[in-house]
Amino acid sequence: MICEQGDVVSLNFSPSVRHEPADRHYGVVISPWEVNSMSALTVLAPVTSLDNHYPLHVRIADGNCIYGFVQCEAIRAMDLGARELGGSAEVIGTLDDDTMQQIMARVLIVVGLD
């Protein structure tokens, strides 16, 4: 499973601890296809359905394949290919460009590149 930046995947985030997302959630791919095609790991940010007004969360714009808020501070590298083989990962759509720009701007803040 090689994803493109902006793809939305449904996958099982478990195992996880404390504040990490657990069980099946949506995730937004933030690493570009060029990186994803060279590595077994894909970098993504989980999506929550709760609006807690956290400044690093991005609301997914209406008209996209899912509703929710992207948790840009909770980025994770995951082996989507292995999860797909296990039946716990699938691509369900792609986010619009404006939402992705907002997500990537916050991700850059999180990793200290802003």
PDB file of N, CA and C in Angstrom:
ATOM      1  N   MET A   1       0.852  -1.171   0.000  1.00  0.00           N
ATOM      2  CA  MET A   1       0.000   0.000   0.000  1.00  0.00           C
ATOM      3  C   MET A   1       0.895   1.231   0.000  1.00  0.00           C
ATOM      4  N   ILE A   2       0.956   1.927  -1.106  1.00  0.00           N
ATOM      5  CA  ILE A   2       1.725   3.176  -1.190  1.00  0.00           C
ATOM      6  C   ILE A   2       0.730   4.316  -1.361  1.00  0.00           C
ATOM      7  N   CYS A   3       0.695   5.194  -0.384  1.00  0.00           N
ATOM      8  CA  CYS A   3      -0.277   6.286  -0.371  1.00  0.00           C
ATOM      9  C   CYS A   3       0.354   7.596  -0.819  1.00  0.00           C
ATOM     10  N   GLU A   4      -0.490   8.521  -1.176  1.00  0.00           N
ATOM     11  CA  GLU A   4      -0.111   9.867  -1.580  1.00  0.00           C
ATOM     12  C   GLU A   4      -0.441  10.815  -0.426  1.00  0.00           C
ATOM     13  N   GLN A   5       0.318  11.895  -0.311  1.00  0.00           N
ATOM     14  CA  GLN A   5       0.017  12.910   0.695  1.00  0.00           C
ATOM     15  C   GLN A   5      -1.416  13.395   0.485  1.00  0.00           C
ATOM     16  N   GLY A   6      -2.179  13.426   1.555  1.00  0.00           N
ATOM     17  CA  GLY A   6      -3.574  13.855   1.483  1.00  0.00           C
ATOM     18  C   GLY A   6      -4.562  12.711   1.452  1.00  0.00           C
ATOM     19  N   ASP A   7      -4.078  11.480   1.243  1.00  0.00           N
ATOM     20  CA  ASP A   7      -4.984  10.331   1.280  1.00  0.00           C
ATOM     21  C   ASP A   7      -5.519  10.149   2.694  1.00  0.00           C
ATOM     22  N   VAL A   8      -6.757   9.707   2.778  1.00  0.00           N
ATOM     23  CA  VAL A   8      -7.383   9.384   4.056  1.00  0.00           C
ATOM     24  C   VAL A   8      -7.460   7.869   4.135  1.00  0.00           C
ATOM     25  N   VAL A   9      -6.940   7.324   5.234  1.00  0.00           N
ATOM     26  CA  VAL A   9      -6.972   5.883   5.432  1.00  0.00           C
ATOM     27  C   VAL A   9      -7.772   5.564   6.690  1.00  0.00           C
ATOM     28  N   SER A  10      -8.417   4.429   6.654  1.00  0.00           N
ATOM     29  CA  SER A  10      -9.081   3.894   7.828  1.00  0.00           C
ATOM     30  C   SER A  10      -8.192   2.755   8.309  1.00  0.00           C
ATOM     31  N   LEU A  11      -7.764   2.825   9.575  1.00  0.00           N
ATOM     32  CA  LEU A  11      -6.855   1.798  10.068  1.00  0.00           C
ATOM     33  C   LEU A  11      -6.952   1.635  11.569  1.00  0.00           C
ATOM     34  N   ASN A  12      -6.391   0.540  12.040  1.00  0.00           N
ATOM     35  CA  ASN A  12      -6.356   0.248  13.462  1.00  0.00           C
ATOM     36  C   ASN A  12      -5.066   0.826  14.033  1.00  0.00           C
ATOM     37  N   PHE A  13      -5.179   1.810  14.917  1.00  0.00           N
ATOM     38  CA  PHE A  13      -4.018   2.461  15.521  1.00  0.00           C
ATOM     39  C   PHE A  13      -3.451   1.693  16.716  1.00  0.00           C
ATOM     40  N   SER A  14      -4.122   0.660  17.153  1.00  0.00           N
ATOM     41  CA  SER A  14      -3.643  -0.102  18.302  1.00  0.00           C
ATOM     42  C   SER A  14      -2.456  -0.972  17.891  1.00  0.00           C
ATOM     43  N   PRO A  15      -1.529  -1.211  18.789  1.00  0.00           N
ATOM     44  CA  PRO A  15      -1.538  -0.841  20.195  1.00  0.00           C
ATOM     45  C   PRO A  15      -1.181   0.637  20.397  1.00  0.00           C
ATOM     46  N   SER A  16      -1.705   1.181  21.456  1.00  0.00           N
ATOM     47  CA  SER A  16      -1.421   2.575  21.798  1.00  0.00           C
ATOM     48  C   SER A  16      -1.498   2.732  23.313  1.00  0.00           C
ATOM     49  N   VAL A  17      -0.990   3.867  23.791  1.00  0.00           N
ATOM     50  CA  VAL A  17      -1.004   4.133  25.234  1.00  0.00           C
ATOM     51  C   VAL A  17      -1.465   5.557  25.503  1.00  0.00           C
ATOM     52  N   ARG A  18      -1.980   5.767  26.671  1.00  0.00           N
ATOM     53  CA  ARG A  18      -2.416   7.068  27.196  1.00  0.00           C
ATOM     54  C   ARG A  18      -3.253   7.862  26.204  1.00  0.00           C
ATOM     55  N   HIS A  19      -2.748   8.994  25.714  1.00  0.00           N
ATOM     56  CA  HIS A  19      -3.529   9.894  24.869  1.00  0.00           C
ATOM     57  C   HIS A  19      -3.461   9.559  23.385  1.00  0.00           C
ATOM     58  N   GLU A  20      -2.744   8.512  23.023  1.00  0.00           N
ATOM     59  CA  GLU A  20      -2.647   8.130  21.618  1.00  0.00           C
ATOM     60  C   GLU A  20      -3.976   7.545  21.147  1.00  0.00           C
ATOM     61  N   PRO A  21      -4.312   7.761  19.874  1.00  0.00           N
ATOM     62  CA  PRO A  21      -5.539   7.144  19.364  1.00  0.00           C
ATOM     63  C   PRO A  21      -5.413   5.621  19.394  1.00  0.00           C
ATOM     64  N   ALA A  22      -6.516   4.962  19.670  1.00  0.00           N
ATOM     65  CA  ALA A  22      -6.526   3.502  19.725  1.00  0.00           C
ATOM     66  C   ALA A  22      -7.663   2.971  18.858  1.00  0.00           C
ATOM     67  N   ASP A  23      -7.537   1.717  18.479  1.00  0.00           N
ATOM     68  CA  ASP A  23      -8.543   1.037  17.685  1.00  0.00           C
ATOM     69  C   ASP A  23      -8.668   1.685  16.302  1.00  0.00           C
ATOM     70  N   ARG A  24      -9.793   1.481  15.635  1.00  0.00           N
ATOM     71  CA  ARG A  24      -9.956   1.958  14.254  1.00  0.00           C
ATOM     72  C   ARG A  24     -10.308   3.439  14.250  1.00  0.00           C
ATOM     73  N   HIS A  25      -9.507   4.179  13.487  1.00  0.00           N
ATOM     74  CA  HIS A  25      -9.703   5.621  13.287  1.00  0.00           C
ATOM     75  C   HIS A  25      -9.309   5.942  11.854  1.00  0.00           C
ATOM     76  N   TYR A  26      -9.626   7.164  11.483  1.00  0.00           N
ATOM     77  CA  TYR A  26      -9.112   7.667  10.218  1.00  0.00           C
ATOM     78  C   TYR A  26      -7.770   8.328  10.469  1.00  0.00           C
ATOM     79  N   GLY A  27      -6.933   8.321   9.449  1.00  0.00           N
ATOM     80  CA  GLY A  27      -5.660   9.016   9.485  1.00  0.00           C
ATOM     81  C   GLY A  27      -5.440   9.700   8.150  1.00  0.00           C
ATOM     82  N   VAL A  28      -4.735  10.824   8.177  1.00  0.00           N
ATOM     83  CA  VAL A  28      -4.412  11.566   6.963  1.00  0.00           C
ATOM     84  C   VAL A  28      -2.921  11.404   6.690  1.00  0.00           C
ATOM     85  N   VAL A  29      -2.590  10.959   5.483  1.00  0.00           N
ATOM     86  CA  VAL A  29      -1.193  10.770   5.100  1.00  0.00           C
ATOM     87  C   VAL A  29      -0.550  12.141   4.911  1.00  0.00           C
ATOM     88  N   ILE A  30       0.569  12.373   5.609  1.00  0.00           N
ATOM     89  CA  ILE A  30       1.262  13.661   5.476  1.00  0.00           C
ATOM     90  C   ILE A  30       2.621  13.526   4.793  1.00  0.00           C
ATOM     91  N   SER A  31       3.140  12.323   4.703  1.00  0.00           N
ATOM     92  CA  SER A  31       4.401  12.139   3.961  1.00  0.00           C
ATOM     93  C   SER A  31       4.079  12.030   2.472  1.00  0.00           C
ATOM     94  N   PRO A  32       4.952  12.560   1.601  1.00  0.00           N
ATOM     95  CA  PRO A  32       4.686  12.533   0.160  1.00  0.00           C
ATOM     96  C   PRO A  32       4.925  11.161  -0.449  1.00  0.00           C
ATOM     97  N   TRP A  33       4.333  10.925  -1.612  1.00  0.00           N
ATOM     98  CA  TRP A  33       4.446   9.654  -2.313  1.00  0.00           C
ATOM     99  C   TRP A  33       5.908   9.254  -2.503  1.00  0.00           C
ATOM    100  N   GLU A  34       6.786  10.204  -2.821  1.00  0.00           N
ATOM    101  CA  GLU A  34       8.200   9.902  -3.048  1.00  0.00           C
ATOM    102  C   GLU A  34       8.827   9.237  -1.830  1.00  0.00           C
ATOM    103  N   VAL A  35       8.478   9.684  -0.652  1.00  0.00           N
ATOM    104  CA  VAL A  35       8.992   9.084   0.588  1.00  0.00           C
ATOM    105  C   VAL A  35       8.290   7.754   0.851  1.00  0.00           C
ATOM    106  N   ASN A  36       6.984   7.733   0.677  1.00  0.00           N
ATOM    107  CA  ASN A  36       6.212   6.519   0.948  1.00  0.00           C
ATOM    108  C   ASN A  36       6.627   5.363   0.035  1.00  0.00           C
ATOM    109  N   SER A  37       7.052   5.692  -1.174  1.00  0.00           N
ATOM    110  CA  SER A  37       7.457   4.641  -2.110  1.00  0.00           C
ATOM    111  C   SER A  37       8.842   4.076  -1.795  1.00  0.00           C
ATOM    112  N   MET A  38       9.632   4.787  -0.983  1.00  0.00           N
ATOM    113  CA  MET A  38      10.975   4.329  -0.626  1.00  0.00           C
ATOM    114  C   MET A  38      11.025   3.627   0.729  1.00  0.00           C
ATOM    115  N   SER A  39       9.970   3.732   1.501  1.00  0.00           N
ATOM    116  CA  SER A  39      10.001   3.248   2.877  1.00  0.00           C
ATOM    117  C   SER A  39       8.784   2.370   3.153  1.00  0.00           C
ATOM    118  N   ALA A  40       8.920   1.466   4.079  1.00  0.00           N
ATOM    119  CA  ALA A  40       7.774   0.666   4.514  1.00  0.00           C
ATOM    120  C   ALA A  40       6.856   1.476   5.419  1.00  0.00           C
ATOM    121  N   LEU A  41       7.370   2.603   5.934  1.00  0.00           N
ATOM    122  CA  LEU A  41       6.584   3.415   6.858  1.00  0.00           C
ATOM    123  C   LEU A  41       5.985   4.624   6.153  1.00  0.00           C
ATOM    124  N   THR A  42       4.776   4.967   6.556  1.00  0.00           N
ATOM    125  CA  THR A  42       4.067   6.142   6.055  1.00  0.00           C
ATOM    126  C   THR A  42       3.757   7.025   7.254  1.00  0.00           C
ATOM    127  N   VAL A  43       3.965   8.335   7.127  1.00  0.00           N
ATOM    128  CA  VAL A  43       3.706   9.260   8.223  1.00  0.00           C
ATOM    129  C   VAL A  43       2.286   9.791   8.083  1.00  0.00           C
ATOM    130  N   LEU A  44       1.524   9.667   9.177  1.00  0.00           N
ATOM    131  CA  LEU A  44       0.162  10.182   9.145  1.00  0.00           C
ATOM    132  C   LEU A  44      -0.219  10.855  10.439  1.00  0.00           C
ATOM    133  N   ALA A  45      -1.322  11.590  10.343  1.00  0.00           N
ATOM    134  CA  ALA A  45      -1.888  12.254  11.513  1.00  0.00           C
ATOM    135  C   ALA A  45      -3.283  11.697  11.728  1.00  0.00           C
ATOM    136  N   PRO A  46      -3.598  11.297  12.964  1.00  0.00           N
ATOM    137  CA  PRO A  46      -4.926  10.745  13.234  1.00  0.00           C
ATOM    138  C   PRO A  46      -6.011  11.816  13.194  1.00  0.00           C
ATOM    139  N   VAL A  47      -7.241  11.347  13.025  1.00  0.00           N
ATOM    140  CA  VAL A  47      -8.404  12.232  12.974  1.00  0.00           C
ATOM    141  C   VAL A  47      -9.294  11.913  14.168  1.00  0.00           C
ATOM    142  N   THR A  48      -9.769  12.959  14.835  1.00  0.00           N
ATOM    143  CA  THR A  48     -10.718  12.797  15.930  1.00  0.00           C
ATOM    144  C   THR A  48     -12.044  13.435  15.517  1.00  0.00           C
ATOM    145  N   SER A  49     -13.126  12.961  16.094  1.00  0.00           N
ATOM    146  CA  SER A  49     -14.431  13.562  15.800  1.00  0.00           C
ATOM    147  C   SER A  49     -14.772  14.673  16.787  1.00  0.00           C
ATOM    148  N   LEU A  50     -13.951  14.827  17.820  1.00  0.00           N
ATOM    149  CA  LEU A  50     -14.229  15.822  18.856  1.00  0.00           C
ATOM    150  C   LEU A  50     -13.555  17.156  18.555  1.00  0.00           C
ATOM    151  N   ASP A  51     -14.320  18.217  18.616  1.00  0.00           N
ATOM    152  CA  ASP A  51     -13.768  19.564  18.455  1.00  0.00           C
ATOM    153  C   ASP A  51     -13.455  20.113  19.841  1.00  0.00           C
ATOM    154  N   ASN A  52     -12.185  20.021  20.238  1.00  0.00           N
ATOM    155  CA  ASN A  52     -11.804  20.549  21.546  1.00  0.00           C
ATOM    156  C   ASN A  52     -11.086  21.888  21.430  1.00  0.00           C
ATOM    157  N   HIS A  53     -11.148  22.493  20.236  1.00  0.00           N
ATOM    158  CA  HIS A  53     -10.577  23.830  19.979  1.00  0.00           C
ATOM    159  C   HIS A  53      -9.070  23.881  20.221  1.00  0.00           C
ATOM    160  N   TYR A  54      -8.408  22.749  20.095  1.00  0.00           N
ATOM    161  CA  TYR A  54      -6.963  22.689  20.259  1.00  0.00           C
ATOM    162  C   TYR A  54      -6.317  23.368  19.047  1.00  0.00           C
ATOM    163  N   PRO A  55      -5.368  24.283  19.258  1.00  0.00           N
ATOM    164  CA  PRO A  55      -4.832  25.077  18.139  1.00  0.00           C
ATOM    165  C   PRO A  55      -4.056  24.285  17.084  1.00  0.00           C
ATOM    166  N   LEU A  56      -3.631  23.064  17.382  1.00  0.00           N
ATOM    167  CA  LEU A  56      -2.911  22.267  16.387  1.00  0.00           C
ATOM    168  C   LEU A  56      -3.825  21.304  15.633  1.00  0.00           C
ATOM    169  N   HIS A  57      -5.125  21.369  15.891  1.00  0.00           N
ATOM    170  CA  HIS A  57      -6.084  20.542  15.170  1.00  0.00           C
ATOM    171  C   HIS A  57      -6.642  21.324  13.993  1.00  0.00           C
ATOM    172  N   VAL A  58      -6.840  20.631  12.879  1.00  0.00           N
ATOM    173  CA  VAL A  58      -7.396  21.248  11.673  1.00  0.00           C
ATOM    174  C   VAL A  58      -8.743  20.615  11.385  1.00  0.00           C
ATOM    175  N   ARG A  59      -9.756  21.453  11.261  1.00  0.00           N
ATOM    176  CA  ARG A  59     -11.087  20.965  10.903  1.00  0.00           C
ATOM    177  C   ARG A  59     -11.072  20.558   9.435  1.00  0.00           C
ATOM    178  N   ILE A  60     -11.564  19.374   9.148  1.00  0.00           N
ATOM    179  CA  ILE A  60     -11.665  18.914   7.765  1.00  0.00           C
ATOM    180  C   ILE A  60     -12.864  19.613   7.133  1.00  0.00           C
ATOM    181  N   ALA A  61     -12.625  20.290   6.024  1.00  0.00           N
ATOM    182  CA  ALA A  61     -13.655  21.093   5.367  1.00  0.00           C
ATOM    183  C   ALA A  61     -14.815  20.227   4.893  1.00  0.00           C
ATOM    184  N   ASP A  62     -15.992  20.828   4.861  1.00  0.00           N
ATOM    185  CA  ASP A  62     -17.166  20.149   4.318  1.00  0.00           C
ATOM    186  C   ASP A  62     -16.897  19.724   2.883  1.00  0.00           C
ATOM    187  N   GLY A  63     -17.535  18.646   2.464  1.00  0.00           N
ATOM    188  CA  GLY A  63     -17.372  18.148   1.104  1.00  0.00           C
ATOM    189  C   GLY A  63     -16.278  17.106   0.952  1.00  0.00           C
ATOM    190  N   ASN A  64     -15.520  16.849   2.015  1.00  0.00           N
ATOM    191  CA  ASN A  64     -14.501  15.798   1.972  1.00  0.00           C
ATOM    192  C   ASN A  64     -15.136  14.460   2.328  1.00  0.00           C
ATOM    193  N   CYS A  65     -14.351  13.406   2.208  1.00  0.00           N
ATOM    194  CA  CYS A  65     -14.868  12.047   2.410  1.00  0.00           C
ATOM    195  C   CYS A  65     -15.155  11.720   3.874  1.00  0.00           C
ATOM    196  N   ILE A  66     -14.631  12.511   4.804  1.00  0.00           N
ATOM    197  CA  ILE A  66     -14.875  12.280   6.231  1.00  0.00           C
ATOM    198  C   ILE A  66     -15.088  13.610   6.932  1.00  0.00           C
ATOM    199  N   TYR A  67     -15.608  13.556   8.134  1.00  0.00           N
ATOM    200  CA  TYR A  67     -15.762  14.703   9.019  1.00  0.00           C
ATOM    201  C   TYR A  67     -14.788  14.503  10.172  1.00  0.00           C
ATOM    202  N   GLY A  68     -14.236  15.579  10.685  1.00  0.00           N
ATOM    203  CA  GLY A  68     -13.407  15.463  11.874  1.00  0.00           C
ATOM    204  C   GLY A  68     -12.341  16.530  11.943  1.00  0.00           C
ATOM    205  N   PHE A  69     -11.399  16.295  12.834  1.00  0.00           N
ATOM    206  CA  PHE A  69     -10.336  17.242  13.131  1.00  0.00           C
ATOM    207  C   PHE A  69      -9.011  16.486  13.124  1.00  0.00           C
ATOM    208  N   VAL A  70      -8.074  16.934  12.301  1.00  0.00           N
ATOM    209  CA  VAL A  70      -6.788  16.270  12.162  1.00  0.00           C
ATOM    210  C   VAL A  70      -5.894  16.700  13.318  1.00  0.00           C
ATOM    211  N   GLN A  71      -5.340  15.736  14.046  1.00  0.00           N
ATOM    212  CA  GLN A  71      -4.493  15.984  15.207  1.00  0.00           C
ATOM    213  C   GLN A  71      -3.041  16.100  14.747  1.00  0.00           C
ATOM    214  N   CYS A  72      -2.643  17.305  14.359  1.00  0.00           N
ATOM    215  CA  CYS A  72      -1.319  17.512  13.758  1.00  0.00           C
ATOM    216  C   CYS A  72      -0.173  17.298  14.739  1.00  0.00           C
ATOM    217  N   GLU A  73      -0.455  17.316  16.030  1.00  0.00           N
ATOM    218  CA  GLU A  73       0.591  17.092  17.031  1.00  0.00           C
ATOM    219  C   GLU A  73       0.820  15.611  17.301  1.00  0.00           C
ATOM    220  N   ALA A  74      -0.034  14.744  16.739  1.00  0.00           N
ATOM    221  CA  ALA A  74       0.025  13.314  17.061  1.00  0.00           C
ATOM    222  C   ALA A  74       0.513  12.485  15.876  1.00  0.00           C
ATOM    223  N   ILE A  75       1.433  13.021  15.091  1.00  0.00           N
ATOM    224  CA  ILE A  75       1.895  12.319  13.896  1.00  0.00           C
ATOM    225  C   ILE A  75       2.582  11.005  14.273  1.00  0.00           C
ATOM    226  N   ARG A  76       2.378   9.990  13.398  1.00  0.00           N
ATOM    227  CA  ARG A  76       2.945   8.661  13.631  1.00  0.00           C
ATOM    228  C   ARG A  76       3.416   8.075  12.313  1.00  0.00           C
ATOM    229  N   ALA A  77       4.461   7.286  12.385  1.00  0.00           N
ATOM    230  CA  ALA A  77       4.924   6.522  11.225  1.00  0.00           C
ATOM    231  C   ALA A  77       4.394   5.103  11.396  1.00  0.00           C
ATOM    232  N   MET A  78       3.680   4.621  10.374  1.00  0.00           N
ATOM    233  CA  MET A  78       3.046   3.302  10.470  1.00  0.00           C
ATOM    234  C   MET A  78       3.280   2.506   9.193  1.00  0.00           C
ATOM    235  N   ASP A  79       3.336   1.207   9.329  1.00  0.00           N
ATOM    236  CA  ASP A  79       3.506   0.312   8.191  1.00  0.00           C
ATOM    237  C   ASP A  79       2.120  -0.030   7.648  1.00  0.00           C
ATOM    238  N   LEU A  80       1.662   0.758   6.674  1.00  0.00           N
ATOM    239  CA  LEU A  80       0.321   0.557   6.137  1.00  0.00           C
ATOM    240  C   LEU A  80       0.215  -0.728   5.327  1.00  0.00           C
ATOM    241  N   GLY A  81       1.316  -1.125   4.675  1.00  0.00           N
ATOM    242  CA  GLY A  81       1.298  -2.361   3.910  1.00  0.00           C
ATOM    243  C   GLY A  81       1.030  -3.563   4.787  1.00  0.00           C
ATOM    244  N   ALA A  82       1.694  -3.634   5.919  1.00  0.00           N
ATOM    245  CA  ALA A  82       1.486  -4.752   6.847  1.00  0.00           C
ATOM    246  C   ALA A  82       0.078  -4.720   7.413  1.00  0.00           C
ATOM    247  N   ARG A  83      -0.423  -3.526   7.707  1.00  0.00           N
ATOM    248  CA  ARG A  83      -1.780  -3.415   8.240  1.00  0.00           C
ATOM    249  C   ARG A  83      -2.819  -3.761   7.182  1.00  0.00           C
ATOM    250  N   GLU A  84      -2.530  -3.410   5.928  1.00  0.00           N
ATOM    251  CA  GLU A  84      -3.449  -3.770   4.841  1.00  0.00           C
ATOM    252  C   GLU A  84      -3.520  -5.286   4.688  1.00  0.00           C
ATOM    253  N   LEU A  85      -2.359  -5.948   4.737  1.00  0.00           N
ATOM    254  CA  LEU A  85      -2.334  -7.416   4.636  1.00  0.00           C
ATOM    255  C   LEU A  85      -3.126  -8.064   5.765  1.00  0.00           C
ATOM    256  N   GLY A  86      -3.096  -7.425   6.920  1.00  0.00           N
ATOM    257  CA  GLY A  86      -3.852  -7.936   8.066  1.00  0.00           C
ATOM    258  C   GLY A  86      -5.311  -7.525   8.045  1.00  0.00           C
ATOM    259  N   GLY A  87      -5.727  -6.809   7.014  1.00  0.00           N
ATOM    260  CA  GLY A  87      -7.120  -6.392   6.892  1.00  0.00           C
ATOM    261  C   GLY A  87      -7.509  -5.210   7.746  1.00  0.00           C
ATOM    262  N   SER A  88      -6.504  -4.452   8.241  1.00  0.00           N
ATOM    263  CA  SER A  88      -6.837  -3.350   9.145  1.00  0.00           C
ATOM    264  C   SER A  88      -6.476  -1.979   8.590  1.00  0.00           C
ATOM    265  N   ALA A  89      -6.326  -1.865   7.251  1.00  0.00           N
ATOM    266  CA  ALA A  89      -6.044  -0.550   6.656  1.00  0.00           C
ATOM    267  C   ALA A  89      -6.624  -0.501   5.248  1.00  0.00           C
ATOM    268  N   GLU A  90      -7.254   0.635   4.920  1.00  0.00           N
ATOM    269  CA  GLU A  90      -7.747   0.844   3.565  1.00  0.00           C
ATOM    270  C   GLU A  90      -7.826   2.343   3.281  1.00  0.00           C
ATOM    271  N   VAL A  91      -7.557   2.722   2.031  1.00  0.00           N
ATOM    272  CA  VAL A  91      -7.682   4.112   1.597  1.00  0.00           C
ATOM    273  C   VAL A  91      -9.151   4.364   1.289  1.00  0.00           C
ATOM    274  N   ILE A  92      -9.689   5.480   1.820  1.00  0.00           N
ATOM    275  CA  ILE A  92     -11.101   5.758   1.580  1.00  0.00           C
ATOM    276  C   ILE A  92     -11.341   7.049   0.801  1.00  0.00           C
ATOM    277  N   GLY A  93     -10.296   7.830   0.560  1.00  0.00           N
ATOM    278  CA  GLY A  93     -10.463   9.076  -0.192  1.00  0.00           C
ATOM    279  C   GLY A  93      -9.264   9.979  -0.043  1.00  0.00           C
ATOM    280  N   THR A  94      -9.445  11.227  -0.466  1.00  0.00           N
ATOM    281  CA  THR A  94      -8.379  12.233  -0.438  1.00  0.00           C
ATOM    282  C   THR A  94      -8.959  13.553   0.044  1.00  0.00           C
ATOM    283  N   LEU A  95      -8.173  14.305   0.818  1.00  0.00           N
ATOM    284  CA  LEU A  95      -8.623  15.622   1.293  1.00  0.00           C
ATOM    285  C   LEU A  95      -8.361  16.699   0.252  1.00  0.00           C
ATOM    286  N   ASP A  96      -9.127  17.780   0.346  1.00  0.00           N
ATOM    287  CA  ASP A  96      -8.958  18.914  -0.564  1.00  0.00           C
ATOM    288  C   ASP A  96      -7.658  19.662  -0.272  1.00  0.00           C
ATOM    289  N   ASP A  97      -7.195  20.422  -1.255  1.00  0.00           N
ATOM    290  CA  ASP A  97      -5.901  21.119  -1.155  1.00  0.00           C
ATOM    291  C   ASP A  97      -5.854  22.130  -0.011  1.00  0.00           C
ATOM    292  N   ASP A  98      -6.926  22.893   0.207  1.00  0.00           N
ATOM    293  CA  ASP A  98      -6.914  23.911   1.259  1.00  0.00           C
ATOM    294  C   ASP A  98      -6.760  23.276   2.637  1.00  0.00           C
ATOM    295  N   THR A  99      -7.505  22.207   2.894  1.00  0.00           N
ATOM    296  CA  THR A  99      -7.380  21.511   4.181  1.00  0.00           C
ATOM    297  C   THR A  99      -5.970  20.966   4.347  1.00  0.00           C
ATOM    298  N   MET A 100      -5.398  20.397   3.282  1.00  0.00           N
ATOM    299  CA  MET A 100      -4.029  19.863   3.368  1.00  0.00           C
ATOM    300  C   MET A 100      -3.012  20.962   3.632  1.00  0.00           C
ATOM    301  N   GLN A 101      -3.196  22.137   3.045  1.00  0.00           N
ATOM    302  CA  GLN A 101      -2.271  23.247   3.314  1.00  0.00           C
ATOM    303  C   GLN A 101      -2.311  23.632   4.784  1.00  0.00           C
ATOM    304  N   GLN A 102      -3.502  23.666   5.375  1.00  0.00           N
ATOM    305  CA  GLN A 102      -3.625  23.986   6.800  1.00  0.00           C
ATOM    306  C   GLN A 102      -2.957  22.909   7.661  1.00  0.00           C
ATOM    307  N   ILE A 103      -3.149  21.656   7.284  1.00  0.00           N
ATOM    308  CA  ILE A 103      -2.533  20.549   8.029  1.00  0.00           C
ATOM    309  C   ILE A 103      -1.016  20.645   7.962  1.00  0.00           C
ATOM    310  N   MET A 104      -0.469  20.809   6.763  1.00  0.00           N
ATOM    311  CA  MET A 104       0.986  20.840   6.609  1.00  0.00           C
ATOM    312  C   MET A 104       1.602  22.054   7.314  1.00  0.00           C
ATOM    313  N   ALA A 105       0.911  23.178   7.343  1.00  0.00           N
ATOM    314  CA  ALA A 105       1.416  24.354   8.067  1.00  0.00           C
ATOM    315  C   ALA A 105       1.554  24.040   9.552  1.00  0.00           C
ATOM    316  N   ARG A 106       0.591  23.343  10.128  1.00  0.00           N
ATOM    317  CA  ARG A 106       0.662  22.994  11.550  1.00  0.00           C
ATOM    318  C   ARG A 106       1.702  21.908  11.811  1.00  0.00           C
ATOM    319  N   VAL A 107       1.816  20.955  10.890  1.00  0.00           N
ATOM    320  CA  VAL A 107       2.838  19.905  11.032  1.00  0.00           C
ATOM    321  C   VAL A 107       4.229  20.546  11.053  1.00  0.00           C
ATOM    322  N   LEU A 108       4.463  21.531  10.206  1.00  0.00           N
ATOM    323  CA  LEU A 108       5.760  22.222  10.208  1.00  0.00           C
ATOM    324  C   LEU A 108       6.036  22.905  11.531  1.00  0.00           C
ATOM    325  N   ILE A 109       5.001  23.447  12.161  1.00  0.00           N
ATOM    326  CA  ILE A 109       5.149  24.049  13.492  1.00  0.00           C
ATOM    327  C   ILE A 109       5.542  22.974  14.496  1.00  0.00           C
ATOM    328  N   VAL A 110       4.866  21.829  14.430  1.00  0.00           N
ATOM    329  CA  VAL A 110       5.122  20.737  15.379  1.00  0.00           C
ATOM    330  C   VAL A 110       6.558  20.246  15.292  1.00  0.00           C
ATOM    331  N   VAL A 111       7.091  20.139  14.080  1.00  0.00           N
ATOM    332  CA  VAL A 111       8.474  19.633  13.926  1.00  0.00           C
ATOM    333  C   VAL A 111       9.509  20.746  13.949  1.00  0.00           C
ATOM    334  N   GLY A 112       9.087  21.976  14.224  1.00  0.00           N
ATOM    335  CA  GLY A 112      10.019  23.084  14.411  1.00  0.00           C
ATOM    336  C   GLY A 112      10.568  23.697  13.154  1.00  0.00           C
ATOM    337  N   LEU A 113       9.837  23.598  12.043  1.00  0.00           N
ATOM    338  CA  LEU A 113      10.320  24.145  10.773  1.00  0.00           C
ATOM    339  C   LEU A 113       9.568  25.382  10.329  1.00  0.00           C
ATOM    340  N   ASP A 114       8.767  25.960  11.207  1.00  0.00           N
ATOM    341  CA  ASP A 114       8.041  27.179  10.857  1.00  0.00           C
ATOM    342  C   ASP A 114       8.749  28.384  11.403  1.00  0.00           C
TER     343      ASP A 114
END
